[in-house]
């Protein structure tokens, strides 16, 4: 089981801040493909990956990051500072 967290407009599109997901995904990209296939709201939230960032166990990660041994994946828009 994997905890998946959604922040900002990702959370708004999916309608939940977090969920527990049973997955066989090997990478973050595989997980995204599984989520997209669930329902239209997931497909919409993950329609443009260039507009998203991902963290794996609270560390910034890439789409090809492995999920073996991972407990938490978080999706969020890029942060801007100033």
C-alpha atoms as a PDB file:
ATOM      1  CA  UNK A   1       0.000   0.000   0.000  1.00  0.00           C
ATOM      2  CA  UNK A   2       1.117   3.496  -0.826  1.00  0.00           C
ATOM      3  CA  UNK A   3      -0.052   6.839   0.564  1.00  0.00           C
ATOM      4  CA  UNK A   4      -0.678   9.266  -2.298  1.00  0.00           C
ATOM      5  CA  UNK A   5      -1.022  12.953  -1.423  1.00  0.00           C
ATOM      6  CA  UNK A   6      -2.430  15.696  -3.642  1.00  0.00           C
ATOM      7  CA  UNK A   7      -1.820  19.414  -3.131  1.00  0.00           C
ATOM      8  CA  UNK A   8      -3.252  22.684  -4.484  1.00  0.00           C
ATOM      9  CA  UNK A   9      -5.158  22.365  -7.793  1.00  0.00           C
ATOM     10  CA  UNK A  10      -4.260  18.666  -8.052  1.00  0.00           C
ATOM     11  CA  UNK A  11      -6.273  18.072  -4.871  1.00  0.00           C
ATOM     12  CA  UNK A  12      -9.111  20.225  -6.217  1.00  0.00           C
ATOM     13  CA  UNK A  13      -9.330  18.256  -9.476  1.00  0.00           C
ATOM     14  CA  UNK A  14      -9.187  14.861  -7.795  1.00  0.00           C
ATOM     15  CA  UNK A  15     -11.397  15.906  -4.898  1.00  0.00           C
ATOM     16  CA  UNK A  16      -9.303  14.323  -2.150  1.00  0.00           C
ATOM     17  CA  UNK A  17      -6.204  15.411  -0.242  1.00  0.00           C
ATOM     18  CA  UNK A  18      -4.849  11.858   0.113  1.00  0.00           C
ATOM     19  CA  UNK A  19      -5.636   8.221  -0.431  1.00  0.00           C
ATOM     20  CA  UNK A  20      -4.144   4.779   0.101  1.00  0.00           C
ATOM     21  CA  UNK A  21      -3.431   3.043  -3.182  1.00  0.00           C
ATOM     22  CA  UNK A  22      -2.758  -0.612  -3.884  1.00  0.00           C
ATOM     23  CA  UNK A  23      -0.360  -0.560  -6.822  1.00  0.00           C
ATOM     24  CA  UNK A  24       1.995  -2.741  -8.787  1.00  0.00           C
ATOM     25  CA  UNK A  25       3.674   0.316 -10.314  1.00  0.00           C
ATOM     26  CA  UNK A  26       7.463   0.149 -10.585  1.00  0.00           C
ATOM     27  CA  UNK A  27       7.991   3.896 -11.069  1.00  0.00           C
ATOM     28  CA  UNK A  28       6.190   7.166 -10.397  1.00  0.00           C
ATOM     29  CA  UNK A  29       5.272   7.341 -14.103  1.00  0.00           C
ATOM     30  CA  UNK A  30       3.696   3.877 -13.888  1.00  0.00           C
ATOM     31  CA  UNK A  31       1.679   5.014 -10.871  1.00  0.00           C
ATOM     32  CA  UNK A  32       0.482   8.075 -12.789  1.00  0.00           C
ATOM     33  CA  UNK A  33      -0.618   5.811 -15.668  1.00  0.00           C
ATOM     34  CA  UNK A  34      -2.606   3.659 -13.207  1.00  0.00           C
ATOM     35  CA  UNK A  35      -4.230   6.725 -11.650  1.00  0.00           C
ATOM     36  CA  UNK A  36      -5.069   8.263 -15.050  1.00  0.00           C
ATOM     37  CA  UNK A  37      -6.883   5.070 -16.026  1.00  0.00           C
ATOM     38  CA  UNK A  38      -9.127   5.183 -12.927  1.00  0.00           C
ATOM     39  CA  UNK A  39     -11.464   8.058 -13.752  1.00  0.00           C
ATOM     40  CA  UNK A  40     -11.686  11.273 -15.753  1.00  0.00           C
ATOM     41  CA  UNK A  41     -10.822  13.409 -12.720  1.00  0.00           C
ATOM     42  CA  UNK A  42      -7.430  11.677 -12.459  1.00  0.00           C
ATOM     43  CA  UNK A  43      -6.867  11.918 -16.213  1.00  0.00           C
ATOM     44  CA  UNK A  44      -7.545  15.665 -15.966  1.00  0.00           C
ATOM     45  CA  UNK A  45      -5.259  16.161 -12.966  1.00  0.00           C
ATOM     46  CA  UNK A  46      -2.399  14.309 -14.660  1.00  0.00           C
ATOM     47  CA  UNK A  47      -2.995  15.556 -18.216  1.00  0.00           C
ATOM     48  CA  UNK A  48       0.112  17.790 -18.249  1.00  0.00           C
ATOM     49  CA  UNK A  49       3.001  16.382 -16.238  1.00  0.00           C
ATOM     50  CA  UNK A  50       5.153  19.414 -17.056  1.00  0.00           C
ATOM     51  CA  UNK A  51       2.811  21.351 -14.739  1.00  0.00           C
ATOM     52  CA  UNK A  52       3.464  18.954 -11.843  1.00  0.00           C
ATOM     53  CA  UNK A  53       6.218  18.011  -9.452  1.00  0.00           C
ATOM     54  CA  UNK A  54       6.486  14.852  -7.402  1.00  0.00           C
ATOM     55  CA  UNK A  55       8.027  13.938  -4.065  1.00  0.00           C
ATOM     56  CA  UNK A  56       8.773  10.397  -2.951  1.00  0.00           C
ATOM     57  CA  UNK A  57       8.963   9.924   0.812  1.00  0.00           C
ATOM     58  CA  UNK A  58       9.182  13.730   1.140  1.00  0.00           C
ATOM     59  CA  UNK A  59      12.136  14.103  -1.264  1.00  0.00           C
ATOM     60  CA  UNK A  60      11.769  15.749  -4.671  1.00  0.00           C
ATOM     61  CA  UNK A  61      11.843  13.026  -7.317  1.00  0.00           C
ATOM     62  CA  UNK A  62      11.635  12.399 -11.041  1.00  0.00           C
ATOM     63  CA  UNK A  63       8.916  10.604 -12.990  1.00  0.00           C
ATOM     64  CA  UNK A  64      11.182   7.591 -13.506  1.00  0.00           C
ATOM     65  CA  UNK A  65      11.938   7.250  -9.773  1.00  0.00           C
ATOM     66  CA  UNK A  66      11.409   3.692  -8.496  1.00  0.00           C
ATOM     67  CA  UNK A  67       8.643   2.977  -5.995  1.00  0.00           C
ATOM     68  CA  UNK A  68      10.104  -0.117  -4.367  1.00  0.00           C
ATOM     69  CA  UNK A  69      10.085   0.407  -0.606  1.00  0.00           C
ATOM     70  CA  UNK A  70       8.385   3.807  -0.924  1.00  0.00           C
ATOM     71  CA  UNK A  71       5.644   4.690   1.565  1.00  0.00           C
ATOM     72  CA  UNK A  72       4.430   8.067   0.260  1.00  0.00           C
ATOM     73  CA  UNK A  73       4.146   9.882  -3.070  1.00  0.00           C
ATOM     74  CA  UNK A  74       3.005  13.501  -3.256  1.00  0.00           C
ATOM     75  CA  UNK A  75       1.925  15.441  -6.345  1.00  0.00           C
ATOM     76  CA  UNK A  76       1.902  19.250  -6.417  1.00  0.00           C
ATOM     77  CA  UNK A  77       2.341  22.175  -8.813  1.00  0.00           C
ATOM     78  CA  UNK A  78       5.785  23.800  -9.043  1.00  0.00           C
ATOM     79  CA  UNK A  79       6.453  26.186  -6.210  1.00  0.00           C
ATOM     80  CA  UNK A  80       7.318  29.760  -6.935  1.00  0.00           C
ATOM     81  CA  UNK A  81       9.188  31.920  -4.508  1.00  0.00           C
ATOM     82  CA  UNK A  82       9.913  35.524  -4.089  1.00  0.00           C
END
